[in-house]
C-alpha cells in the first residue's frame, strides 16, 4: 500500500526557511513525477512545485525563486526547500504525484509563517 509521510513543517518568522521532506513507500518511486501541494482552510489544494522523472521542474509563480523541489530516488524521498517565507505561504503542505494525483493523501505538514 502506498504511503506518503510529510515532515519538516513548523512555525517560522517571515523571511525564514524550512525544508519539507516526504517519504514515499509502496511504489517504484523513480517512475513517478512528484509534487508538493498546499492547502489553506476553505480553499482547494493547489500544486506548488513538481519534479518530473527526468528532473525537469515546475513551480507556481508565487514561489519561483524562493522554493526548490528535489528528489532522491535512492531514498524514495522528495523535498521542498522553502526560503524567504511569507505569511501567505502559511498552509498545510502535502506531497503526491503530479500533474495527476494518484494516491491517497498523507497527513501533511503544517507551515506557519508569522512574526
Protein backbone atom coordinates (compact mmCIF):
# COMPACT_ATOMS: atom_id res chain seq x y z
CA UNK A 1 0.00 0.00 0.00
CA UNK A 2 1.22 3.46 -0.86
CA UNK A 3 2.26 5.73 1.99
CA UNK A 4 3.17 9.39 1.82
CA UNK A 5 4.62 10.82 5.01
CA UNK A 6 5.36 14.52 5.12
CA UNK A 7 7.51 16.21 7.75
CA UNK A 8 9.54 19.32 8.44
CA UNK A 9 6.87 21.95 8.92
CA UNK A 10 6.73 24.40 11.79
CA UNK A 11 6.45 28.00 12.85
CA UNK A 12 8.88 30.38 11.21
CA UNK A 13 9.23 34.14 11.01
CA UNK A 14 8.78 35.97 7.69
CA UNK A 15 11.98 35.69 5.70
CA UNK A 16 12.89 32.40 7.29
CA UNK A 17 13.44 28.99 5.79
CA UNK A 18 12.13 25.46 6.17
CA UNK A 19 12.88 22.20 4.46
CA UNK A 20 10.00 19.80 3.99
CA UNK A 21 10.51 16.09 3.43
CA UNK A 22 8.22 13.44 2.04
CA UNK A 23 8.94 9.76 2.48
CA UNK A 24 7.24 7.60 -0.13
CA UNK A 25 6.72 3.85 0.11
CA UNK A 26 4.74 1.22 -1.74
CA UNK A 27 5.57 2.34 -5.29
CA UNK A 28 8.50 2.25 -7.70
CA UNK A 29 9.28 5.81 -6.78
CA UNK A 30 11.59 6.66 -9.67
CA UNK A 31 8.76 6.05 -12.16
CA UNK A 32 6.54 8.84 -10.84
CA UNK A 33 6.64 12.59 -11.21
CA UNK A 34 6.19 14.04 -7.73
CA UNK A 35 4.80 17.30 -6.48
CA UNK A 36 4.26 19.39 -3.40
CA UNK A 37 0.81 20.82 -2.81
CA UNK A 38 -0.57 23.17 -0.21
CA UNK A 39 -3.96 23.94 1.23
CA UNK A 40 -5.40 26.58 3.50
CA UNK A 41 -8.75 26.25 5.29
CA UNK A 42 -11.69 26.69 2.96
CA UNK A 43 -9.58 26.58 -0.18
CA UNK A 44 -8.63 23.92 -2.68
CA UNK A 45 -5.35 22.10 -2.52
CA UNK A 46 -3.05 23.51 -5.18
CA UNK A 47 0.24 22.44 -6.72
CA UNK A 48 3.25 24.39 -5.51
CA UNK A 49 6.05 22.57 -7.29
CA UNK A 50 6.51 19.44 -9.35
CA UNK A 51 9.53 17.42 -10.41
CA UNK A 52 9.40 15.02 -13.31
CA UNK A 53 11.21 11.70 -13.53
CA UNK A 54 13.73 13.30 -15.87
CA UNK A 55 14.37 16.09 -13.38
CA UNK A 56 12.53 18.93 -15.07
CA UNK A 57 10.76 21.16 -12.59
CA UNK A 58 7.68 23.34 -12.46
CA UNK A 59 6.80 25.98 -9.88
CA UNK A 60 3.72 28.01 -9.32
CA UNK A 61 4.53 31.68 -9.94
CA UNK A 62 4.19 32.75 -6.33
CA UNK A 63 7.09 30.57 -5.17
CA UNK A 64 9.51 30.90 -8.08
CA UNK A 65 12.94 31.95 -6.89
CA UNK A 66 12.11 31.08 -3.28
CA UNK A 67 11.25 27.36 -3.24
CA UNK A 68 13.30 24.47 -4.57
CA UNK A 69 11.93 20.97 -5.11
CA UNK A 70 14.25 17.99 -5.31
CA UNK A 71 14.07 14.23 -5.14
CA UNK A 72 16.31 11.36 -4.09
CA UNK A 73 15.30 8.24 -5.97
CA UNK A 74 17.66 6.08 -3.91
CA UNK A 75 15.88 7.06 -0.70
CA UNK A 76 12.34 7.41 -2.09
CA UNK A 77 12.23 10.98 -0.84
CA UNK A 78 11.05 14.28 -2.20
CA UNK A 79 12.00 17.60 -0.63
CA UNK A 80 10.87 21.19 -0.69
CA UNK A 81 13.37 23.82 0.37
CA UNK A 82 11.46 26.98 1.21
CA UNK A 83 13.35 30.25 1.58
CA UNK A 84 12.23 33.84 2.06
CA UNK A 85 8.97 32.61 3.51
CA UNK A 86 5.99 34.94 3.54
CA UNK A 87 2.84 34.89 5.67
CA UNK A 88 0.89 33.90 2.57
CA UNK A 89 2.89 30.65 2.44
CA UNK A 90 1.11 29.55 5.60
CA UNK A 91 -0.68 26.31 4.75
CA UNK A 92 -0.69 22.57 5.18
CA UNK A 93 1.75 21.03 2.73
CA UNK A 94 1.36 17.63 1.09
CA UNK A 95 3.21 15.55 -1.44
CA UNK A 96 1.73 13.35 -4.13
CA UNK A 97 2.21 12.54 -7.77
CA UNK A 98 1.76 15.27 -10.35
CA UNK A 99 0.20 16.51 -12.53
CA UNK A 100 -2.40 13.90 -11.62
CA UNK A 101 -2.89 12.93 -8.01
CA UNK A 102 -2.77 9.14 -7.98
CA UNK A 103 -2.60 8.20 -4.32
CA UNK A 104 -4.36 8.90 -1.05
CA UNK A 105 -3.09 11.97 0.70
CA UNK A 106 -0.80 11.75 3.68
CA UNK A 107 -1.35 13.71 6.86
CA UNK A 108 0.55 16.72 5.57
CA UNK A 109 2.80 19.07 7.48
CA UNK A 110 1.76 22.49 8.74
CA UNK A 111 3.80 25.54 7.84
CA UNK A 112 3.02 28.75 9.67
CA UNK A 113 4.81 31.96 8.75
CA UNK A 114 4.24 34.59 11.38
CA UNK A 115 6.11 37.11 13.48
